[in-house]
């Protein structure tokens, strides 16, 4: 049995309120991007703590079908602007494991 404090949504039906609406928008964005030949997708999830941003990011990763080698996660407390520039410069490389690469920065407001 999962405690309410340990529950993490994994499907669209698990989300409630505005998080479900955002999940629907993410599904549509992935569908449209795939229809356009895997067009780039750029999203920014912003809001108060506890509204489900990280869970929505994990849902997005699942929608894209990305494995652990195609996802890079960072904490904003560990990044500075030069590292961000290097991450951006590396985007022109094609991912050898799939159609998409994903960069997730938690606490982006804390980048130095």
PDB file of N, CA and C in Angstrom:
ATOM      1  N   UNK A   1       0.846  -1.190   0.000  1.00  0.00           N
ATOM      2  CA  UNK A   1       0.000   0.000   0.000  1.00  0.00           C
ATOM      3  C   UNK A   1       0.882   1.241   0.000  1.00  0.00           C
ATOM      4  N   UNK A   2       0.582   2.168  -0.885  1.00  0.00           N
ATOM      5  CA  UNK A   2       1.346   3.397  -1.002  1.00  0.00           C
ATOM      6  C   UNK A   2       0.742   4.472  -0.106  1.00  0.00           C
ATOM      7  N   UNK A   3       1.581   5.090   0.687  1.00  0.00           N
ATOM      8  CA  UNK A   3       1.132   6.214   1.509  1.00  0.00           C
ATOM      9  C   UNK A   3       0.865   7.412   0.611  1.00  0.00           C
ATOM     10  N   UNK A   4      -0.105   8.249   0.965  1.00  0.00           N
ATOM     11  CA  UNK A   4      -0.400   9.427   0.150  1.00  0.00           C
ATOM     12  C   UNK A   4       0.816  10.325  -0.086  1.00  0.00           C
ATOM     13  N   UNK A   5       1.708  10.399   0.894  1.00  0.00           N
ATOM     14  CA  UNK A   5       2.895  11.243   0.743  1.00  0.00           C
ATOM     15  C   UNK A   5       3.923  10.640  -0.202  1.00  0.00           C
ATOM     16  N   UNK A   6       3.784   9.357  -0.524  1.00  0.00           N
ATOM     17  CA  UNK A   6       4.737   8.687  -1.402  1.00  0.00           C
ATOM     18  C   UNK A   6       4.164   8.418  -2.799  1.00  0.00           C
ATOM     19  N   UNK A   7       2.922   8.779  -3.031  1.00  0.00           N
ATOM     20  CA  UNK A   7       2.273   8.530  -4.316  1.00  0.00           C
ATOM     21  C   UNK A   7       2.858   9.423  -5.393  1.00  0.00           C
ATOM     22  N   UNK A   8       3.191   8.845  -6.545  1.00  0.00           N
ATOM     23  CA  UNK A   8       3.668   9.589  -7.698  1.00  0.00           C
ATOM     24  C   UNK A   8       2.804   9.215  -8.903  1.00  0.00           C
ATOM     25  N   UNK A   9       2.126  10.168  -9.531  1.00  0.00           N
ATOM     26  CA  UNK A   9       1.312   9.862 -10.709  1.00  0.00           C
ATOM     27  C   UNK A   9       2.178   9.283 -11.831  1.00  0.00           C
ATOM     28  N   UNK A  10       1.653   8.287 -12.528  1.00  0.00           N
ATOM     29  CA  UNK A  10       2.387   7.684 -13.643  1.00  0.00           C
ATOM     30  C   UNK A  10       1.584   7.696 -14.939  1.00  0.00           C
ATOM     31  N   UNK A  11       0.291   7.938 -14.850  1.00  0.00           N
ATOM     32  CA  UNK A  11      -0.546   8.009 -16.046  1.00  0.00           C
ATOM     33  C   UNK A  11      -1.400   9.274 -15.961  1.00  0.00           C
ATOM     34  N   UNK A  12      -1.983   9.639 -17.083  1.00  0.00           N
ATOM     35  CA  UNK A  12      -2.805  10.853 -17.122  1.00  0.00           C
ATOM     36  C   UNK A  12      -3.936  10.792 -16.110  1.00  0.00           C
ATOM     37  N   UNK A  13      -4.536   9.625 -15.945  1.00  0.00           N
ATOM     38  CA  UNK A  13      -5.657   9.467 -15.017  1.00  0.00           C
ATOM     39  C   UNK A  13      -5.251   9.698 -13.560  1.00  0.00           C
ATOM     40  N   UNK A  14      -3.971   9.572 -13.245  1.00  0.00           N
ATOM     41  CA  UNK A  14      -3.485   9.776 -11.883  1.00  0.00           C
ATOM     42  C   UNK A  14      -3.397  11.252 -11.502  1.00  0.00           C
ATOM     43  N   UNK A  15      -3.320  12.127 -12.503  1.00  0.00           N
ATOM     44  CA  UNK A  15      -3.211  13.562 -12.229  1.00  0.00           C
ATOM     45  C   UNK A  15      -4.594  14.147 -11.971  1.00  0.00           C
ATOM     46  N   UNK A  16      -4.628  15.222 -11.190  1.00  0.00           N
ATOM     47  CA  UNK A  16      -5.891  15.902 -10.902  1.00  0.00           C
ATOM     48  C   UNK A  16      -5.751  17.392 -11.212  1.00  0.00           C
ATOM     49  N   UNK A  17      -6.872  18.041 -11.374  1.00  0.00           N
ATOM     50  CA  UNK A  17      -6.906  19.489 -11.545  1.00  0.00           C
ATOM     51  C   UNK A  17      -6.115  19.986 -12.732  1.00  0.00           C
ATOM     52  N   UNK A  18      -5.401  21.092 -12.523  1.00  0.00           N
ATOM     53  CA  UNK A  18      -4.656  21.706 -13.620  1.00  0.00           C
ATOM     54  C   UNK A  18      -3.499  20.824 -14.076  1.00  0.00           C
ATOM     55  N   UNK A  19      -2.974  19.967 -13.203  1.00  0.00           N
ATOM     56  CA  UNK A  19      -1.900  19.052 -13.611  1.00  0.00           C
ATOM     57  C   UNK A  19      -2.407  18.085 -14.680  1.00  0.00           C
ATOM     58  N   UNK A  20      -3.668  17.659 -14.578  1.00  0.00           N
ATOM     59  CA  UNK A  20      -4.222  16.778 -15.610  1.00  0.00           C
ATOM     60  C   UNK A  20      -4.323  17.525 -16.935  1.00  0.00           C
ATOM     61  N   UNK A  21      -4.743  18.768 -16.883  1.00  0.00           N
ATOM     62  CA  UNK A  21      -4.841  19.568 -18.116  1.00  0.00           C
ATOM     63  C   UNK A  21      -3.461  19.728 -18.757  1.00  0.00           C
ATOM     64  N   UNK A  22      -2.443  19.972 -17.948  1.00  0.00           N
ATOM     65  CA  UNK A  22      -1.079  20.078 -18.472  1.00  0.00           C
ATOM     66  C   UNK A  22      -0.654  18.739 -19.074  1.00  0.00           C
ATOM     67  N   UNK A  23      -0.999  17.640 -18.422  1.00  0.00           N
ATOM     68  CA  UNK A  23      -0.706  16.314 -18.951  1.00  0.00           C
ATOM     69  C   UNK A  23      -1.350  16.093 -20.304  1.00  0.00           C
ATOM     70  N   UNK A  24      -2.585  16.555 -20.458  1.00  0.00           N
ATOM     71  CA  UNK A  24      -3.276  16.456 -21.752  1.00  0.00           C
ATOM     72  C   UNK A  24      -2.539  17.264 -22.814  1.00  0.00           C
ATOM     73  N   UNK A  25      -2.061  18.456 -22.436  1.00  0.00           N
ATOM     74  CA  UNK A  25      -1.318  19.294 -23.378  1.00  0.00           C
ATOM     75  C   UNK A  25       0.007  18.637 -23.768  1.00  0.00           C
ATOM     76  N   UNK A  26       0.641  17.984 -22.813  1.00  0.00           N
ATOM     77  CA  UNK A  26       1.882  17.274 -23.118  1.00  0.00           C
ATOM     78  C   UNK A  26       1.624  16.131 -24.095  1.00  0.00           C
ATOM     79  N   UNK A  27       0.526  15.393 -23.876  1.00  0.00           N
ATOM     80  CA  UNK A  27       0.170  14.308 -24.801  1.00  0.00           C
ATOM     81  C   UNK A  27      -0.044  14.852 -26.212  1.00  0.00           C
ATOM     82  N   UNK A  28      -0.741  15.952 -26.307  1.00  0.00           N
ATOM     83  CA  UNK A  28      -1.015  16.544 -27.615  1.00  0.00           C
ATOM     84  C   UNK A  28       0.265  17.049 -28.273  1.00  0.00           C
ATOM     85  N   UNK A  29       1.157  17.640 -27.487  1.00  0.00           N
ATOM     86  CA  UNK A  29       2.426  18.137 -28.027  1.00  0.00           C
ATOM     87  C   UNK A  29       3.258  16.990 -28.596  1.00  0.00           C
ATOM     88  N   UNK A  30       3.302  15.868 -27.885  1.00  0.00           N
ATOM     89  CA  UNK A  30       4.065  14.711 -28.364  1.00  0.00           C
ATOM     90  C   UNK A  30       3.430  14.150 -29.628  1.00  0.00           C
ATOM     91  N   UNK A  31       2.105  14.044 -29.634  1.00  0.00           N
ATOM     92  CA  UNK A  31       1.394  13.524 -30.817  1.00  0.00           C
ATOM     93  C   UNK A  31       1.653  14.415 -32.029  1.00  0.00           C
ATOM     94  N   UNK A  32       1.539  15.728 -31.845  1.00  0.00           N
ATOM     95  CA  UNK A  32       1.757  16.668 -32.949  1.00  0.00           C
ATOM     96  C   UNK A  32       3.205  16.641 -33.429  1.00  0.00           C
ATOM     97  N   UNK A  33       4.154  16.544 -32.497  1.00  0.00           N
ATOM     98  CA  UNK A  33       5.571  16.505 -32.867  1.00  0.00           C
ATOM     99  C   UNK A  33       5.897  15.243 -33.649  1.00  0.00           C
ATOM    100  N   UNK A  34       5.326  14.129 -33.239  1.00  0.00           N
ATOM    101  CA  UNK A  34       5.552  12.867 -33.960  1.00  0.00           C
ATOM    102  C   UNK A  34       4.949  12.946 -35.365  1.00  0.00           C
ATOM    103  N   UNK A  35       3.764  13.550 -35.463  1.00  0.00           N
ATOM    104  CA  UNK A  35       3.116  13.699 -36.770  1.00  0.00           C
ATOM    105  C   UNK A  35       3.931  14.604 -37.694  1.00  0.00           C
ATOM    106  N   UNK A  36       4.701  15.510 -37.118  1.00  0.00           N
ATOM    107  CA  UNK A  36       5.529  16.433 -37.899  1.00  0.00           C
ATOM    108  C   UNK A  36       6.951  15.896 -38.084  1.00  0.00           C
ATOM    109  N   UNK A  37       7.130  14.599 -37.916  1.00  0.00           N
ATOM    110  CA  UNK A  37       8.454  14.009 -38.120  1.00  0.00           C
ATOM    111  C   UNK A  37       9.391  14.210 -36.953  1.00  0.00           C
ATOM    112  N   UNK A  38       8.867  14.079 -35.753  1.00  0.00           N
ATOM    113  CA  UNK A  38       9.644  14.254 -34.515  1.00  0.00           C
ATOM    114  C   UNK A  38      10.221  15.660 -34.397  1.00  0.00           C
ATOM    115  N   UNK A  39       9.347  16.635 -34.597  1.00  0.00           N
ATOM    116  CA  UNK A  39       9.733  18.035 -34.448  1.00  0.00           C
ATOM    117  C   UNK A  39      10.186  18.297 -33.013  1.00  0.00           C
ATOM    118  N   UNK A  40      11.064  19.275 -32.824  1.00  0.00           N
ATOM    119  CA  UNK A  40      11.523  19.600 -31.465  1.00  0.00           C
ATOM    120  C   UNK A  40      10.360  20.034 -30.569  1.00  0.00           C
ATOM    121  N   UNK A  41      10.469  19.689 -29.300  1.00  0.00           N
ATOM    122  CA  UNK A  41       9.476  20.088 -28.305  1.00  0.00           C
ATOM    123  C   UNK A  41      10.225  20.801 -27.185  1.00  0.00           C
ATOM    124  N   UNK A  42       9.763  21.970 -26.843  1.00  0.00           N
ATOM    125  CA  UNK A  42      10.368  22.723 -25.741  1.00  0.00           C
ATOM    126  C   UNK A  42       9.267  23.064 -24.755  1.00  0.00           C
ATOM    127  N   UNK A  43       9.467  22.684 -23.485  1.00  0.00           N
ATOM    128  CA  UNK A  43       8.470  23.012 -22.462  1.00  0.00           C
ATOM    129  C   UNK A  43       9.172  23.570 -21.229  1.00  0.00           C
ATOM    130  N   UNK A  44       8.448  24.368 -20.494  1.00  0.00           N
ATOM    131  CA  UNK A  44       8.908  24.889 -19.211  1.00  0.00           C
ATOM    132  C   UNK A  44       7.766  24.697 -18.233  1.00  0.00           C
ATOM    133  N   UNK A  45       8.026  23.935 -17.177  1.00  0.00           N
ATOM    134  CA  UNK A  45       7.029  23.749 -16.124  1.00  0.00           C
ATOM    135  C   UNK A  45       7.433  24.641 -14.961  1.00  0.00           C
ATOM    136  N   UNK A  46       6.559  25.565 -14.629  1.00  0.00           N
ATOM    137  CA  UNK A  46       6.856  26.560 -13.611  1.00  0.00           C
ATOM    138  C   UNK A  46       5.683  26.645 -12.652  1.00  0.00           C
ATOM    139  N   UNK A  47       5.963  26.819 -11.370  1.00  0.00           N
ATOM    140  CA  UNK A  47       4.887  26.985 -10.408  1.00  0.00           C
ATOM    141  C   UNK A  47       5.344  26.720  -8.997  1.00  0.00           C
ATOM    142  N   UNK A  48       4.408  26.827  -8.096  1.00  0.00           N
ATOM    143  CA  UNK A  48       4.684  26.627  -6.676  1.00  0.00           C
ATOM    144  C   UNK A  48       5.115  25.191  -6.396  1.00  0.00           C
ATOM    145  N   UNK A  49       5.789  25.001  -5.283  1.00  0.00           N
ATOM    146  CA  UNK A  49       6.215  23.665  -4.860  1.00  0.00           C
ATOM    147  C   UNK A  49       4.996  22.778  -4.611  1.00  0.00           C
ATOM    148  N   UNK A  50       5.104  21.521  -5.018  1.00  0.00           N
ATOM    149  CA  UNK A  50       4.069  20.547  -4.712  1.00  0.00           C
ATOM    150  C   UNK A  50       2.915  20.459  -5.689  1.00  0.00           C
ATOM    151  N   UNK A  51       2.999  21.152  -6.833  1.00  0.00           N
ATOM    152  CA  UNK A  51       1.871  21.099  -7.773  1.00  0.00           C
ATOM    153  C   UNK A  51       2.025  20.009  -8.831  1.00  0.00           C
ATOM    154  N   UNK A  52       3.151  19.298  -8.816  1.00  0.00           N
ATOM    155  CA  UNK A  52       3.321  18.163  -9.712  1.00  0.00           C
ATOM    156  C   UNK A  52       4.252  18.381 -10.889  1.00  0.00           C
ATOM    157  N   UNK A  53       5.124  19.378 -10.830  1.00  0.00           N
ATOM    158  CA  UNK A  53       6.020  19.652 -11.957  1.00  0.00           C
ATOM    159  C   UNK A  53       6.942  18.469 -12.240  1.00  0.00           C
ATOM    160  N   UNK A  54       7.547  17.918 -11.225  1.00  0.00           N
ATOM    161  CA  UNK A  54       8.464  16.784 -11.425  1.00  0.00           C
ATOM    162  C   UNK A  54       7.717  15.557 -11.922  1.00  0.00           C
ATOM    163  N   UNK A  55       6.532  15.315 -11.404  1.00  0.00           N
ATOM    164  CA  UNK A  55       5.726  14.179 -11.856  1.00  0.00           C
ATOM    165  C   UNK A  55       5.316  14.372 -13.311  1.00  0.00           C
ATOM    166  N   UNK A  56       4.991  15.597 -13.707  1.00  0.00           N
ATOM    167  CA  UNK A  56       4.651  15.874 -15.103  1.00  0.00           C
ATOM    168  C   UNK A  56       5.872  15.688 -15.998  1.00  0.00           C
ATOM    169  N   UNK A  57       7.051  16.065 -15.514  1.00  0.00           N
ATOM    170  CA  UNK A  57       8.270  15.855 -16.295  1.00  0.00           C
ATOM    171  C   UNK A  57       8.506  14.358 -16.509  1.00  0.00           C
ATOM    172  N   UNK A  58       8.300  13.551 -15.476  1.00  0.00           N
ATOM    173  CA  UNK A  58       8.450  12.100 -15.603  1.00  0.00           C
ATOM    174  C   UNK A  58       7.406  11.527 -16.566  1.00  0.00           C
ATOM    175  N   UNK A  59       6.204  12.048 -16.514  1.00  0.00           N
ATOM    176  CA  UNK A  59       5.144  11.640 -17.440  1.00  0.00           C
ATOM    177  C   UNK A  59       5.537  11.975 -18.876  1.00  0.00           C
ATOM    178  N   UNK A  60       6.111  13.150 -19.084  1.00  0.00           N
ATOM    179  CA  UNK A  60       6.575  13.581 -20.400  1.00  0.00           C
ATOM    180  C   UNK A  60       7.665  12.648 -20.929  1.00  0.00           C
ATOM    181  N   UNK A  61       8.596  12.267 -20.065  1.00  0.00           N
ATOM    182  CA  UNK A  61       9.654  11.332 -20.434  1.00  0.00           C
ATOM    183  C   UNK A  61       9.042  10.005 -20.879  1.00  0.00           C
ATOM    184  N   UNK A  62       8.037   9.556 -20.143  1.00  0.00           N
ATOM    185  CA  UNK A  62       7.350   8.301 -20.490  1.00  0.00           C
ATOM    186  C   UNK A  62       6.625   8.429 -21.828  1.00  0.00           C
ATOM    187  N   UNK A  63       5.964   9.568 -22.066  1.00  0.00           N
ATOM    188  CA  UNK A  63       5.265   9.781 -23.336  1.00  0.00           C
ATOM    189  C   UNK A  63       6.224   9.713 -24.525  1.00  0.00           C
ATOM    190  N   UNK A  64       7.416  10.254 -24.338  1.00  0.00           N
ATOM    191  CA  UNK A  64       8.403  10.247 -25.407  1.00  0.00           C
ATOM    192  C   UNK A  64       9.075   8.889 -25.572  1.00  0.00           C
ATOM    193  N   UNK A  65       8.907   8.023 -24.583  1.00  0.00           N
ATOM    194  CA  UNK A  65       9.524   6.705 -24.638  1.00  0.00           C
ATOM    195  C   UNK A  65      11.031   6.753 -24.463  1.00  0.00           C
ATOM    196  N   UNK A  66      11.503   7.701 -23.679  1.00  0.00           N
ATOM    197  CA  UNK A  66      12.939   7.872 -23.503  1.00  0.00           C
ATOM    198  C   UNK A  66      13.494   6.940 -22.432  1.00  0.00           C
ATOM    199  N   UNK A  67      14.662   6.421 -22.697  1.00  0.00           N
ATOM    200  CA  UNK A  67      15.375   5.619 -21.716  1.00  0.00           C
ATOM    201  C   UNK A  67      16.329   6.497 -20.924  1.00  0.00           C
ATOM    202  N   UNK A  68      16.991   5.899 -19.962  1.00  0.00           N
ATOM    203  CA  UNK A  68      17.852   6.686 -19.074  1.00  0.00           C
ATOM    204  C   UNK A  68      19.032   7.324 -19.799  1.00  0.00           C
ATOM    205  N   UNK A  69      19.427   6.794 -20.948  1.00  0.00           N
ATOM    206  CA  UNK A  69      20.573   7.349 -21.672  1.00  0.00           C
ATOM    207  C   UNK A  69      20.200   8.588 -22.470  1.00  0.00           C
ATOM    208  N   UNK A  70      18.920   8.848 -22.658  1.00  0.00           N
ATOM    209  CA  UNK A  70      18.472  10.006 -23.432  1.00  0.00           C
ATOM    210  C   UNK A  70      18.021  11.154 -22.548  1.00  0.00           C
ATOM    211  N   UNK A  71      18.089  10.976 -21.234  1.00  0.00           N
ATOM    212  CA  UNK A  71      17.619  11.986 -20.292  1.00  0.00           C
ATOM    213  C   UNK A  71      18.775  12.420 -19.397  1.00  0.00           C
ATOM    214  N   UNK A  72      18.983  13.727 -19.326  1.00  0.00           N
ATOM    215  CA  UNK A  72      19.980  14.274 -18.397  1.00  0.00           C
ATOM    216  C   UNK A  72      19.238  15.158 -17.407  1.00  0.00           C
ATOM    217  N   UNK A  73      19.471  14.891 -16.132  1.00  0.00           N
ATOM    218  CA  UNK A  73      18.824  15.671 -15.080  1.00  0.00           C
ATOM    219  C   UNK A  73      19.879  16.430 -14.296  1.00  0.00           C
ATOM    220  N   UNK A  74      19.561  17.685 -14.012  1.00  0.00           N
ATOM    221  CA  UNK A  74      20.459  18.544 -13.270  1.00  0.00           C
ATOM    222  C   UNK A  74      19.687  19.248 -12.164  1.00  0.00           C
ATOM    223  N   UNK A  75      20.421  19.670 -11.160  1.00  0.00           N
ATOM    224  CA  UNK A  75      19.874  20.549 -10.138  1.00  0.00           C
ATOM    225  C   UNK A  75      20.415  21.943 -10.410  1.00  0.00           C
ATOM    226  N   UNK A  76      19.549  22.934 -10.378  1.00  0.00           N
ATOM    227  CA  UNK A  76      19.978  24.302 -10.611  1.00  0.00           C
ATOM    228  C   UNK A  76      21.049  24.764  -9.648  1.00  0.00           C
ATOM    229  N   UNK A  77      21.089  24.181  -8.460  1.00  0.00           N
ATOM    230  CA  UNK A  77      22.104  24.560  -7.481  1.00  0.00           C
ATOM    231  C   UNK A  77      23.499  24.108  -7.900  1.00  0.00           C
ATOM    232  N   UNK A  78      23.582  23.148  -8.840  1.00  0.00           N
ATOM    233  CA  UNK A  78      24.873  22.621  -9.287  1.00  0.00           C
ATOM    234  C   UNK A  78      25.323  23.205 -10.621  1.00  0.00           C
ATOM    235  N   UNK A  79      24.533  24.114 -11.203  1.00  0.00           N
ATOM    236  CA  UNK A  79      24.843  24.653 -12.527  1.00  0.00           C
ATOM    237  C   UNK A  79      25.186  26.129 -12.473  1.00  0.00           C
ATOM    238  N   UNK A  80      26.039  26.531 -13.409  1.00  0.00           N
ATOM    239  CA  UNK A  80      26.260  27.959 -13.619  1.00  0.00           C
ATOM    240  C   UNK A  80      26.003  28.262 -15.094  1.00  0.00           C
ATOM    241  N   UNK A  81      26.068  29.511 -15.468  1.00  0.00           N
ATOM    242  CA  UNK A  81      25.677  29.912 -16.818  1.00  0.00           C
ATOM    243  C   UNK A  81      26.588  29.298 -17.875  1.00  0.00           C
ATOM    244  N   UNK A  82      27.865  29.090 -17.561  1.00  0.00           N
ATOM    245  CA  UNK A  82      28.774  28.480 -18.533  1.00  0.00           C
ATOM    246  C   UNK A  82      28.390  27.031 -18.806  1.00  0.00           C
ATOM    247  N   UNK A  83      27.963  26.308 -17.785  1.00  0.00           N
ATOM    248  CA  UNK A  83      27.511  24.933 -17.984  1.00  0.00           C
ATOM    249  C   UNK A  83      26.226  24.895 -18.812  1.00  0.00           C
ATOM    250  N   UNK A  84      25.338  25.849 -18.598  1.00  0.00           N
ATOM    251  CA  UNK A  84      24.111  25.940 -19.391  1.00  0.00           C
ATOM    252  C   UNK A  84      24.453  26.185 -20.855  1.00  0.00           C
ATOM    253  N   UNK A  85      25.403  27.058 -21.097  1.00  0.00           N
ATOM    254  CA  UNK A  85      25.831  27.313 -22.483  1.00  0.00           C
ATOM    255  C   UNK A  85      26.388  26.047 -23.127  1.00  0.00           C
ATOM    256  N   UNK A  86      27.145  25.257 -22.376  1.00  0.00           N
ATOM    257  CA  UNK A  86      27.700  24.015 -22.918  1.00  0.00           C
ATOM    258  C   UNK A  86      26.593  23.004 -23.215  1.00  0.00           C
ATOM    259  N   UNK A  87      25.610  22.898 -22.336  1.00  0.00           N
ATOM    260  CA  UNK A  87      24.468  22.001 -22.574  1.00  0.00           C
ATOM    261  C   UNK A  87      23.744  22.412 -23.858  1.00  0.00           C
ATOM    262  N   UNK A  88      23.511  23.718 -24.018  1.00  0.00           N
ATOM    263  CA  UNK A  88      22.834  24.227 -25.212  1.00  0.00           C
ATOM    264  C   UNK A  88      23.665  23.956 -26.463  1.00  0.00           C
ATOM    265  N   UNK A  89      24.969  24.101 -26.377  1.00  0.00           N
ATOM    266  CA  UNK A  89      25.840  23.874 -27.533  1.00  0.00           C
ATOM    267  C   UNK A  89      25.824  22.411 -27.962  1.00  0.00           C
ATOM    268  N   UNK A  90      25.592  21.498 -27.029  1.00  0.00           N
ATOM    269  CA  UNK A  90      25.585  20.063 -27.340  1.00  0.00           C
ATOM    270  C   UNK A  90      24.285  19.589 -27.974  1.00  0.00           C
ATOM    271  N   UNK A  91      23.283  20.440 -28.076  1.00  0.00           N
ATOM    272  CA  UNK A  91      21.994  20.016 -28.619  1.00  0.00           C
ATOM    273  C   UNK A  91      22.029  19.681 -30.101  1.00  0.00           C
ATOM    274  N   UNK A  92      23.042  20.129 -30.814  1.00  0.00           N
ATOM    275  CA  UNK A  92      23.080  19.820 -32.248  1.00  0.00           C
ATOM    276  C   UNK A  92      23.487  18.374 -32.511  1.00  0.00           C
ATOM    277  N   UNK A  93      23.971  17.662 -31.502  1.00  0.00           N
ATOM    278  CA  UNK A  93      24.309  16.248 -31.670  1.00  0.00           C
ATOM    279  C   UNK A  93      23.039  15.404 -31.645  1.00  0.00           C
ATOM    280  N   UNK A  94      22.958  14.424 -32.513  1.00  0.00           N
ATOM    281  CA  UNK A  94      21.803  13.522 -32.554  1.00  0.00           C
ATOM    282  C   UNK A  94      21.964  12.466 -31.475  1.00  0.00           C
ATOM    283  N   UNK A  95      20.878  12.103 -30.836  1.00  0.00           N
ATOM    284  CA  UNK A  95      20.890  11.062 -29.822  1.00  0.00           C
ATOM    285  C   UNK A  95      20.960   9.698 -30.511  1.00  0.00           C
ATOM    286  N   UNK A  96      21.859   8.836 -30.083  1.00  0.00           N
ATOM    287  CA  UNK A  96      21.997   7.525 -30.723  1.00  0.00           C
ATOM    288  C   UNK A  96      21.004   6.503 -30.175  1.00  0.00           C
ATOM    289  N   UNK A  97      20.286   6.852 -29.117  1.00  0.00           N
ATOM    290  CA  UNK A  97      19.362   5.911 -28.494  1.00  0.00           C
ATOM    291  C   UNK A  97      17.901   6.164 -28.829  1.00  0.00           C
ATOM    292  N   UNK A  98      17.587   7.235 -29.534  1.00  0.00           N
ATOM    293  CA  UNK A  98      16.193   7.516 -29.853  1.00  0.00           C
ATOM    294  C   UNK A  98      16.040   8.803 -30.644  1.00  0.00           C
ATOM    295  N   UNK A  99      14.799   9.219 -30.771  1.00  0.00           N
ATOM    296  CA  UNK A  99      14.497  10.418 -31.550  1.00  0.00           C
ATOM    297  C   UNK A  99      14.665  11.713 -30.762  1.00  0.00           C
ATOM    298  N   UNK A 100      14.615  11.617 -29.441  1.00  0.00           N
ATOM    299  CA  UNK A 100      14.666  12.811 -28.605  1.00  0.00           C
ATOM    300  C   UNK A 100      15.721  12.676 -27.522  1.00  0.00           C
ATOM    301  N   UNK A 101      16.235  13.835 -27.110  1.00  0.00           N
ATOM    302  CA  UNK A 101      17.058  13.956 -25.906  1.00  0.00           C
ATOM    303  C   UNK A 101      16.349  14.944 -25.003  1.00  0.00           C
ATOM    304  N   UNK A 102      16.409  14.718 -23.726  1.00  0.00           N
ATOM    305  CA  UNK A 102      15.701  15.586 -22.794  1.00  0.00           C
ATOM    306  C   UNK A 102      16.654  16.072 -21.717  1.00  0.00           C
ATOM    307  N   UNK A 103      16.598  17.359 -21.443  1.00  0.00           N
ATOM    308  CA  UNK A 103      17.350  17.953 -20.352  1.00  0.00           C
ATOM    309  C   UNK A 103      16.342  18.474 -19.348  1.00  0.00           C
ATOM    310  N   UNK A 104      16.479  18.006 -18.113  1.00  0.00           N
ATOM    311  CA  UNK A 104      15.574  18.414 -17.032  1.00  0.00           C
ATOM    312  C   UNK A 104      16.406  19.133 -15.975  1.00  0.00           C
ATOM    313  N   UNK A 105      16.040  20.373 -15.687  1.00  0.00           N
ATOM    314  CA  UNK A 105      16.738  21.149 -14.658  1.00  0.00           C
ATOM    315  C   UNK A 105      15.744  21.435 -13.538  1.00  0.00           C
ATOM    316  N   UNK A 106      15.948  20.769 -12.412  1.00  0.00           N
ATOM    317  CA  UNK A 106      15.123  21.024 -11.226  1.00  0.00           C
ATOM    318  C   UNK A 106      15.654  22.289 -10.548  1.00  0.00           C
ATOM    319  N   UNK A 107      14.775  23.084 -10.026  1.00  0.00           N
ATOM    320  CA  UNK A 107      15.149  24.317  -9.316  1.00  0.00           C
ATOM    321  C   UNK A 107      15.983  25.243 -10.220  1.00  0.00           C
ATOM    322  N   UNK A 108      15.501  25.456 -11.448  1.00  0.00           N
ATOM    323  CA  UNK A 108      16.231  26.288 -12.410  1.00  0.00           C
ATOM    324  C   UNK A 108      16.421  27.717 -11.911  1.00  0.00           C
ATOM    325  N   UNK A 109      15.578  28.168 -11.008  1.00  0.00           N
ATOM    326  CA  UNK A 109      15.710  29.532 -10.488  1.00  0.00           C
ATOM    327  C   UNK A 109      16.952  29.694  -9.619  1.00  0.00           C
ATOM    328  N   UNK A 110      17.626  28.592  -9.284  1.00  0.00           N
ATOM    329  CA  UNK A 110      18.819  28.646  -8.434  1.00  0.00           C
ATOM    330  C   UNK A 110      20.115  28.538  -9.219  1.00  0.00           C
ATOM    331  N   UNK A 111      20.046  28.586 -10.559  1.00  0.00           N
ATOM    332  CA  UNK A 111      21.256  28.539 -11.376  1.00  0.00           C
ATOM    333  C   UNK A 111      22.091  29.790 -11.068  1.00  0.00           C
ATOM    334  N   UNK A 112      23.387  29.567 -10.879  1.00  0.00           N
ATOM    335  CA  UNK A 112      24.292  30.669 -10.515  1.00  0.00           C
ATOM    336  C   UNK A 112      24.757  31.441 -11.733  1.00  0.00           C
TER     337      UNK A 112
END
